[in-house]
Amino acid sequence: QVHLEESGGGLVQPGGSLRLSCVGSGFTFSEKGMKWYRQAPGQEREFVATISAHGDFVNFSGSVRGRFSISRDNSQNTVYLQMTNLKPEDTAVYYCGAWGDDDNWGQGTQVTVSS
């Protein structure tokens, strides 16, 4: 059974940084690309970033490119989202998921960017 658990969210001022973590279990983590999505109140869930199984391919949405980075530690079954220069419009619940699986998501972690 796939289980994903996000953590690391919180309240941060504009221009601040946060690092989100997502631990996956119930599947072969090292063989799956991973993705981060986010959902702001009243909006659709949107793509943020993705990383291939071995980390040799990454991609970002245009709204976060240059500010966010994604990495993974397959020995810890963990994918990270490093967020810098945060803006109020980054406020959302952030979710992680695996490539090819749109049915299993974690509970999400809230990121609030506000002064």
C-alpha atoms as a PDB file:
ATOM      1  CA  GLN A   1       0.000   0.000   0.000  1.00  0.00           C
ATOM      2  CA  VAL A   2       1.451   3.308  -1.094  1.00  0.00           C
ATOM      3  CA  HIS A   3       2.042   5.784   1.704  1.00  0.00           C
ATOM      4  CA  LEU A   4       3.433   9.280   1.293  1.00  0.00           C
ATOM      5  CA  GLU A   5       4.109  11.661   4.122  1.00  0.00           C
ATOM      6  CA  GLU A   6       5.016  15.296   3.605  1.00  0.00           C
ATOM      7  CA  SER A   7       6.532  17.539   6.250  1.00  0.00           C
ATOM      8  CA  GLY A   8       8.430  20.783   6.642  1.00  0.00           C
ATOM      9  CA  GLY A   9       5.740  23.343   5.955  1.00  0.00           C
ATOM     10  CA  GLY A  10       5.093  26.379   8.085  1.00  0.00           C
ATOM     11  CA  LEU A  11       4.699  30.124   8.227  1.00  0.00           C
ATOM     12  CA  VAL A  12       7.479  32.143   6.618  1.00  0.00           C
ATOM     13  CA  GLN A  13       7.935  35.754   5.648  1.00  0.00           C
ATOM     14  CA  PRO A  14       8.239  36.799   2.016  1.00  0.00           C
ATOM     15  CA  GLY A  15      11.768  36.181   0.836  1.00  0.00           C
ATOM     16  CA  GLY A  16      12.240  33.340   3.282  1.00  0.00           C
ATOM     17  CA  SER A  17      13.042  29.689   2.697  1.00  0.00           C
ATOM     18  CA  LEU A  18      11.642  26.311   3.599  1.00  0.00           C
ATOM     19  CA  ARG A  19      12.586  22.745   2.824  1.00  0.00           C
ATOM     20  CA  LEU A  20       9.825  20.229   2.400  1.00  0.00           C
ATOM     21  CA  SER A  21      10.350  16.499   2.754  1.00  0.00           C
ATOM     22  CA  CYS A  22       8.305  13.577   1.534  1.00  0.00           C
ATOM     23  CA  VAL A  23       8.898  10.027   2.655  1.00  0.00           C
ATOM     24  CA  GLY A  24       7.463   7.270   0.487  1.00  0.00           C
ATOM     25  CA  SER A  25       6.737   3.647   1.346  1.00  0.00           C
ATOM     26  CA  GLY A  26       4.789   0.735  -0.070  1.00  0.00           C
ATOM     27  CA  PHE A  27       6.525   0.897  -3.427  1.00  0.00           C
ATOM     28  CA  THR A  28      10.060   0.728  -4.780  1.00  0.00           C
ATOM     29  CA  PHE A  29      10.938   4.358  -4.185  1.00  0.00           C
ATOM     30  CA  SER A  30      14.262   4.229  -6.020  1.00  0.00           C
ATOM     31  CA  GLU A  31      12.520   3.156  -9.239  1.00  0.00           C
ATOM     32  CA  LYS A  32       9.931   5.919  -9.310  1.00  0.00           C
ATOM     33  CA  GLY A  33      10.135   9.484 -10.420  1.00  0.00           C
ATOM     34  CA  MET A  34       8.551  11.802  -7.896  1.00  0.00           C
ATOM     35  CA  LYS A  35       6.606  15.036  -8.148  1.00  0.00           C
ATOM     36  CA  TRP A  36       5.456  17.917  -6.033  1.00  0.00           C
ATOM     37  CA  TYR A  37       2.135  19.622  -6.527  1.00  0.00           C
ATOM     38  CA  ARG A  38       0.420  22.366  -4.589  1.00  0.00           C
ATOM     39  CA  GLN A  39      -3.118  23.533  -4.057  1.00  0.00           C
ATOM     40  CA  ALA A  40      -4.115  26.981  -2.923  1.00  0.00           C
ATOM     41  CA  PRO A  41      -7.579  27.664  -1.468  1.00  0.00           C
ATOM     42  CA  GLY A  42     -10.209  27.688  -4.176  1.00  0.00           C
ATOM     43  CA  GLN A  43      -7.760  26.644  -6.863  1.00  0.00           C
ATOM     44  CA  GLU A  44      -6.907  23.493  -8.760  1.00  0.00           C
ATOM     45  CA  ARG A  45      -3.940  21.406  -7.711  1.00  0.00           C
ATOM     46  CA  GLU A  46      -0.985  22.493  -9.828  1.00  0.00           C
ATOM     47  CA  PHE A  47       2.375  21.056 -10.764  1.00  0.00           C
ATOM     48  CA  VAL A  48       5.417  22.448  -8.982  1.00  0.00           C
ATOM     49  CA  ALA A  49       8.416  20.211  -9.627  1.00  0.00           C
ATOM     50  CA  THR A  50       9.473  16.739 -10.574  1.00  0.00           C
ATOM     51  CA  ILE A  51      12.554  14.536 -10.401  1.00  0.00           C
ATOM     52  CA  SER A  52      13.402  11.270 -12.114  1.00  0.00           C
ATOM     53  CA  ALA A  53      14.116   8.064 -10.226  1.00  0.00           C
ATOM     54  CA  HIS A  54      17.870   8.638 -10.115  1.00  0.00           C
ATOM     55  CA  GLY A  55      17.737  12.412 -10.040  1.00  0.00           C
ATOM     56  CA  ASP A  56      19.197  12.978 -13.476  1.00  0.00           C
ATOM     57  CA  PHE A  57      16.137  14.819 -14.739  1.00  0.00           C
ATOM     58  CA  VAL A  58      14.305  17.629 -13.002  1.00  0.00           C
ATOM     59  CA  ASN A  59      11.675  20.076 -14.145  1.00  0.00           C
ATOM     60  CA  PHE A  60       9.815  22.963 -12.600  1.00  0.00           C
ATOM     61  CA  SER A  61       6.786  25.072 -13.250  1.00  0.00           C
ATOM     62  CA  GLY A  62       7.541  28.482 -14.611  1.00  0.00           C
ATOM     63  CA  SER A  63       6.315  30.174 -11.455  1.00  0.00           C
ATOM     64  CA  VAL A  64       8.951  28.516  -9.244  1.00  0.00           C
ATOM     65  CA  ARG A  65      11.853  27.936 -11.629  1.00  0.00           C
ATOM     66  CA  GLY A  66      14.981  29.575 -10.296  1.00  0.00           C
ATOM     67  CA  ARG A  67      13.621  29.734  -6.753  1.00  0.00           C
ATOM     68  CA  PHE A  68      12.859  26.094  -5.953  1.00  0.00           C
ATOM     69  CA  SER A  69      15.046  23.026  -6.261  1.00  0.00           C
ATOM     70  CA  ILE A  70      14.198  19.354  -5.964  1.00  0.00           C
ATOM     71  CA  SER A  71      16.382  16.493  -4.823  1.00  0.00           C
ATOM     72  CA  ARG A  72      16.056  12.997  -3.442  1.00  0.00           C
ATOM     73  CA  ASP A  73      17.802  10.515  -1.207  1.00  0.00           C
ATOM     74  CA  ASN A  74      16.869   7.029  -2.310  1.00  0.00           C
ATOM     75  CA  SER A  75      18.595   5.510   0.704  1.00  0.00           C
ATOM     76  CA  GLN A  76      16.035   7.342   2.862  1.00  0.00           C
ATOM     77  CA  ASN A  77      13.064   7.018   0.476  1.00  0.00           C
ATOM     78  CA  THR A  78      12.806  10.779   0.637  1.00  0.00           C
ATOM     79  CA  VAL A  79      12.298  13.542  -1.877  1.00  0.00           C
ATOM     80  CA  TYR A  80      12.928  17.158  -0.967  1.00  0.00           C
ATOM     81  CA  LEU A  81      11.666  20.489  -2.200  1.00  0.00           C
ATOM     82  CA  GLN A  82      13.929  23.388  -1.311  1.00  0.00           C
ATOM     83  CA  MET A  83      12.038  26.648  -1.609  1.00  0.00           C
ATOM     84  CA  THR A  84      13.786  30.006  -1.527  1.00  0.00           C
ATOM     85  CA  ASN A  85      12.705  33.600  -2.087  1.00  0.00           C
ATOM     86  CA  LEU A  86       9.189  32.598  -1.152  1.00  0.00           C
ATOM     87  CA  LYS A  87       6.314  34.804  -2.241  1.00  0.00           C
ATOM     88  CA  PRO A  88       2.773  35.156  -0.876  1.00  0.00           C
ATOM     89  CA  GLU A  89       1.497  33.418  -4.005  1.00  0.00           C
ATOM     90  CA  ASP A  90       3.427  30.304  -2.985  1.00  0.00           C
ATOM     91  CA  THR A  91       0.967  29.867  -0.114  1.00  0.00           C
ATOM     92  CA  ALA A  92      -0.665  26.476  -0.563  1.00  0.00           C
ATOM     93  CA  VAL A  93      -0.812  22.923   0.666  1.00  0.00           C
ATOM     94  CA  TYR A  94       2.060  21.017  -0.910  1.00  0.00           C
ATOM     95  CA  TYR A  95       1.700  17.377  -1.874  1.00  0.00           C
ATOM     96  CA  CYS A  96       4.090  14.777  -3.196  1.00  0.00           C
ATOM     97  CA  GLY A  97       3.325  11.904  -5.480  1.00  0.00           C
ATOM     98  CA  ALA A  98       4.954   9.311  -7.699  1.00  0.00           C
ATOM     99  CA  TRP A  99       5.123   9.360 -11.462  1.00  0.00           C
ATOM    100  CA  GLY A 100       2.309   7.497 -13.109  1.00  0.00           C
ATOM    101  CA  ASP A 101       0.173   7.544  -9.972  1.00  0.00           C
ATOM    102  CA  ASP A 102      -2.437  10.246  -9.620  1.00  0.00           C
ATOM    103  CA  ASP A 103      -4.416   8.343  -7.020  1.00  0.00           C
ATOM    104  CA  ASN A 104      -2.024   8.301  -4.084  1.00  0.00           C
ATOM    105  CA  TRP A 105      -0.987  11.499  -2.342  1.00  0.00           C
ATOM    106  CA  GLY A 106       0.136  12.356   1.122  1.00  0.00           C
ATOM    107  CA  GLN A 107      -1.890  14.452   3.523  1.00  0.00           C
ATOM    108  CA  GLY A 108       0.016  17.531   2.412  1.00  0.00           C
ATOM    109  CA  THR A 109       1.952  20.153   4.303  1.00  0.00           C
ATOM    110  CA  GLN A 110       0.792  23.743   4.618  1.00  0.00           C
ATOM    111  CA  VAL A 111       3.081  26.526   3.465  1.00  0.00           C
ATOM    112  CA  THR A 112       2.028  30.045   4.338  1.00  0.00           C
ATOM    113  CA  VAL A 113       4.030  33.019   3.114  1.00  0.00           C
ATOM    114  CA  SER A 114       2.981  36.175   4.880  1.00  0.00           C
ATOM    115  CA  SER A 115       4.429  39.131   6.708  1.00  0.00           C
END
